[in-house]
N, C-alpha and C. Protein backbone atom coordinates (compact mmCIF):
# COMPACT_ATOMS: atom_id res chain seq x y z
N MET A 1 107.97 97.95 101.39
CA MET A 1 106.76 97.65 102.11
C MET A 1 106.46 98.75 103.13
N GLU A 2 107.49 99.22 103.83
CA GLU A 2 107.26 100.26 104.84
C GLU A 2 106.70 101.53 104.20
N ARG A 3 107.19 101.88 103.03
CA ARG A 3 106.70 103.07 102.33
C ARG A 3 105.23 102.90 101.95
N LEU A 4 104.88 101.72 101.52
CA LEU A 4 103.49 101.45 101.15
C LEU A 4 102.58 101.56 102.36
N VAL A 5 103.05 101.11 103.50
CA VAL A 5 102.28 101.24 104.75
C VAL A 5 102.06 102.72 105.06
N GLU A 6 103.09 103.53 104.90
CA GLU A 6 102.96 104.97 105.15
C GLU A 6 101.93 105.61 104.22
N LEU A 7 101.95 105.21 102.96
CA LEU A 7 101.08 105.82 101.96
C LEU A 7 99.62 105.40 102.07
N THR A 8 99.36 104.31 102.80
CA THR A 8 98.00 103.79 102.87
C THR A 8 97.37 103.94 104.25
N GLY A 9 97.87 104.86 105.04
CA GLY A 9 97.26 105.13 106.34
C GLY A 9 95.80 105.49 106.17
N GLY A 10 94.93 104.88 106.95
CA GLY A 10 93.50 105.16 106.87
C GLY A 10 92.77 104.29 105.86
N PHE A 11 93.49 103.44 105.14
CA PHE A 11 92.84 102.55 104.18
C PHE A 11 92.22 101.38 104.93
N SER A 12 91.05 100.95 104.49
CA SER A 12 90.43 99.75 105.04
C SER A 12 91.01 98.53 104.33
N GLY A 13 90.67 97.35 104.82
CA GLY A 13 91.12 96.12 104.16
C GLY A 13 90.62 96.08 102.72
N SER A 14 89.38 96.51 102.51
CA SER A 14 88.81 96.55 101.18
C SER A 14 89.55 97.55 100.28
N ASP A 15 89.95 98.68 100.85
CA ASP A 15 90.72 99.68 100.10
C ASP A 15 92.06 99.10 99.67
N ILE A 16 92.72 98.37 100.56
CA ILE A 16 94.01 97.76 100.26
C ILE A 16 93.85 96.73 99.14
N THR A 17 92.77 95.95 99.20
CA THR A 17 92.50 94.97 98.14
C THR A 17 92.33 95.66 96.80
N ALA A 18 91.55 96.73 96.78
CA ALA A 18 91.34 97.48 95.53
C ALA A 18 92.66 98.05 95.01
N LEU A 19 93.48 98.55 95.92
CA LEU A 19 94.78 99.11 95.53
C LEU A 19 95.67 98.03 94.92
N ALA A 20 95.73 96.87 95.57
CA ALA A 20 96.58 95.78 95.07
C ALA A 20 96.11 95.30 93.70
N LYS A 21 94.81 95.17 93.52
CA LYS A 21 94.27 94.74 92.23
C LYS A 21 94.59 95.75 91.14
N ASP A 22 94.44 97.03 91.46
CA ASP A 22 94.73 98.06 90.47
C ASP A 22 96.22 98.09 90.14
N ALA A 23 97.07 97.98 91.15
CA ALA A 23 98.52 97.98 90.93
C ALA A 23 98.95 96.77 90.10
N ALA A 24 98.29 95.63 90.31
CA ALA A 24 98.61 94.42 89.55
C ALA A 24 98.35 94.60 88.06
N MET A 25 97.47 95.51 87.73
CA MET A 25 97.19 95.78 86.31
C MET A 25 98.24 96.70 85.69
N GLY A 26 99.07 97.34 86.51
CA GLY A 26 100.07 98.28 86.00
C GLY A 26 100.97 97.72 84.91
N PRO A 27 101.57 96.55 85.13
CA PRO A 27 102.43 96.00 84.08
C PRO A 27 101.67 95.74 82.78
N LEU A 28 100.42 95.35 82.87
CA LEU A 28 99.63 95.11 81.67
C LEU A 28 99.27 96.42 80.97
N ARG A 29 98.90 97.42 81.76
CA ARG A 29 98.58 98.73 81.18
C ARG A 29 99.77 99.33 80.45
N SER A 30 100.96 99.12 81.01
CA SER A 30 102.15 99.72 80.41
C SER A 30 102.48 99.12 79.05
N LEU A 31 101.96 97.95 78.76
CA LEU A 31 102.22 97.31 77.47
C LEU A 31 101.31 97.83 76.36
N GLY A 32 100.16 98.33 76.73
CA GLY A 32 99.23 98.83 75.73
C GLY A 32 98.88 97.75 74.71
N GLU A 33 98.93 98.10 73.44
CA GLU A 33 98.59 97.17 72.36
C GLU A 33 99.55 95.99 72.28
N ARG A 34 100.78 96.17 72.74
CA ARG A 34 101.77 95.09 72.68
C ARG A 34 101.36 93.89 73.52
N LEU A 35 100.45 94.09 74.45
CA LEU A 35 99.98 93.01 75.31
C LEU A 35 99.52 91.80 74.51
N LEU A 36 98.93 92.06 73.36
CA LEU A 36 98.40 90.98 72.52
C LEU A 36 99.49 90.22 71.78
N GLU A 37 100.71 90.75 71.79
CA GLU A 37 101.78 90.17 70.98
C GLU A 37 102.88 89.48 71.79
N ILE A 38 102.86 89.59 73.11
CA ILE A 38 103.96 89.04 73.90
C ILE A 38 103.49 87.90 74.79
N GLY A 39 104.45 87.12 75.26
CA GLY A 39 104.13 86.01 76.15
C GLY A 39 104.08 86.45 77.60
N VAL A 40 103.50 85.61 78.42
CA VAL A 40 103.36 85.89 79.85
C VAL A 40 104.73 86.15 80.49
N GLU A 41 105.73 85.41 80.08
CA GLU A 41 107.08 85.55 80.66
C GLU A 41 107.71 86.91 80.37
N ASP A 42 107.16 87.64 79.40
CA ASP A 42 107.70 88.95 79.05
C ASP A 42 107.02 90.11 79.77
N VAL A 43 106.02 89.81 80.59
CA VAL A 43 105.34 90.85 81.37
C VAL A 43 106.15 91.10 82.63
N ARG A 44 106.49 92.36 82.86
CA ARG A 44 107.30 92.70 84.03
C ARG A 44 106.52 92.49 85.32
N GLY A 45 107.24 92.40 86.41
CA GLY A 45 106.61 92.26 87.72
C GLY A 45 106.02 93.57 88.21
N ILE A 46 105.24 93.49 89.25
CA ILE A 46 104.62 94.67 89.86
C ILE A 46 105.66 95.37 90.71
N GLY A 47 105.74 96.68 90.59
CA GLY A 47 106.71 97.46 91.36
C GLY A 47 106.05 98.56 92.16
N MET A 48 106.84 99.23 92.96
CA MET A 48 106.33 100.32 93.80
C MET A 48 105.70 101.41 92.95
N ALA A 49 106.26 101.66 91.78
CA ALA A 49 105.69 102.69 90.89
C ALA A 49 104.25 102.36 90.51
N ASP A 50 103.94 101.07 90.39
CA ASP A 50 102.56 100.68 90.07
C ASP A 50 101.63 101.03 91.22
N PHE A 51 102.08 100.81 92.45
CA PHE A 51 101.27 101.18 93.61
C PHE A 51 101.12 102.69 93.70
N GLU A 52 102.19 103.42 93.45
CA GLU A 52 102.11 104.88 93.52
C GLU A 52 101.14 105.42 92.47
N LYS A 53 101.16 104.85 91.28
CA LYS A 53 100.23 105.28 90.24
C LYS A 53 98.78 104.95 90.64
N SER A 54 98.59 103.77 91.22
CA SER A 54 97.25 103.36 91.65
C SER A 54 96.73 104.25 92.78
N LEU A 55 97.63 104.76 93.60
CA LEU A 55 97.21 105.65 94.69
C LEU A 55 96.63 106.96 94.17
N GLU A 56 96.86 107.27 92.90
CA GLU A 56 96.24 108.45 92.29
C GLU A 56 94.75 108.19 92.05
N ARG A 57 94.37 106.91 91.93
CA ARG A 57 92.98 106.54 91.66
C ARG A 57 92.26 105.97 92.87
N ILE A 58 92.96 105.20 93.66
CA ILE A 58 92.35 104.52 94.80
C ILE A 58 92.59 105.33 96.07
N ARG A 59 91.51 105.74 96.70
CA ARG A 59 91.59 106.57 97.90
C ARG A 59 90.89 105.84 99.05
N PRO A 60 91.18 106.23 100.29
CA PRO A 60 90.48 105.60 101.42
C PRO A 60 88.98 105.82 101.30
N SER A 61 88.22 104.78 101.59
CA SER A 61 86.76 104.88 101.46
C SER A 61 86.09 105.36 102.74
N VAL A 62 86.84 105.39 103.82
CA VAL A 62 86.30 105.82 105.11
C VAL A 62 87.16 106.97 105.63
N GLY A 63 86.50 108.04 106.04
CA GLY A 63 87.22 109.19 106.56
C GLY A 63 87.62 109.02 108.01
N GLU A 64 88.36 109.97 108.52
CA GLU A 64 88.83 109.94 109.91
C GLU A 64 87.66 109.83 110.90
N GLU A 65 86.60 110.57 110.64
CA GLU A 65 85.44 110.54 111.54
C GLU A 65 84.80 109.16 111.55
N GLY A 66 84.68 108.55 110.37
CA GLY A 66 84.11 107.21 110.29
C GLY A 66 84.96 106.19 111.02
N LEU A 67 86.27 106.30 110.90
CA LEU A 67 87.17 105.39 111.61
C LEU A 67 87.05 105.56 113.12
N LYS A 68 86.94 106.81 113.54
CA LYS A 68 86.80 107.10 114.98
C LYS A 68 85.50 106.49 115.51
N ARG A 69 84.42 106.66 114.76
CA ARG A 69 83.14 106.11 115.19
C ARG A 69 83.18 104.59 115.25
N PHE A 70 83.86 103.95 114.28
CA PHE A 70 83.99 102.50 114.29
C PHE A 70 84.79 102.05 115.51
N GLU A 71 85.88 102.72 115.79
CA GLU A 71 86.70 102.37 116.96
C GLU A 71 85.89 102.47 118.24
N GLU A 72 85.09 103.53 118.36
CA GLU A 72 84.25 103.69 119.54
C GLU A 72 83.23 102.56 119.64
N TRP A 73 82.61 102.21 118.51
CA TRP A 73 81.64 101.13 118.49
C TRP A 73 82.33 99.81 118.87
N ALA A 74 83.47 99.54 118.28
CA ALA A 74 84.20 98.30 118.54
C ALA A 74 84.62 98.22 120.01
N GLU A 75 85.00 99.34 120.56
CA GLU A 75 85.39 99.38 121.98
C GLU A 75 84.20 99.03 122.88
N LYS A 76 83.03 99.52 122.49
CA LYS A 76 81.85 99.32 123.31
C LYS A 76 81.19 97.95 123.08
N PHE A 77 81.09 97.51 121.81
CA PHE A 77 80.32 96.32 121.48
C PHE A 77 81.12 95.19 120.85
N GLY A 78 82.24 95.52 120.24
CA GLY A 78 82.97 94.52 119.47
C GLY A 78 83.99 93.74 120.30
N GLU A 79 84.49 92.74 119.67
CA GLU A 79 85.53 91.92 120.29
C GLU A 79 86.88 92.46 119.83
N ARG A 80 87.70 92.83 120.76
CA ARG A 80 89.03 93.40 120.45
C ARG A 80 90.09 92.36 120.69
N VAL A 81 91.01 92.25 119.75
CA VAL A 81 92.11 91.29 119.88
C VAL A 81 93.39 92.02 120.16
């Protein structure tokens, strides 16, 4: 989990959701055509390698400047917890 946190610095909540959904497809993608022939119990679990592969496709949607501007706006107008 700590490694995943390091790899997703700058990701928004929406980016993390997209990453998790894409990684969840990893075990299914790895089966290819065999997916149609095996039972649910034979599908492997999601692993760190699935997240690493997904990180090749899923990137942060907001840049550093956008995050800075949001923080400034939230500081001025938003409710901070």
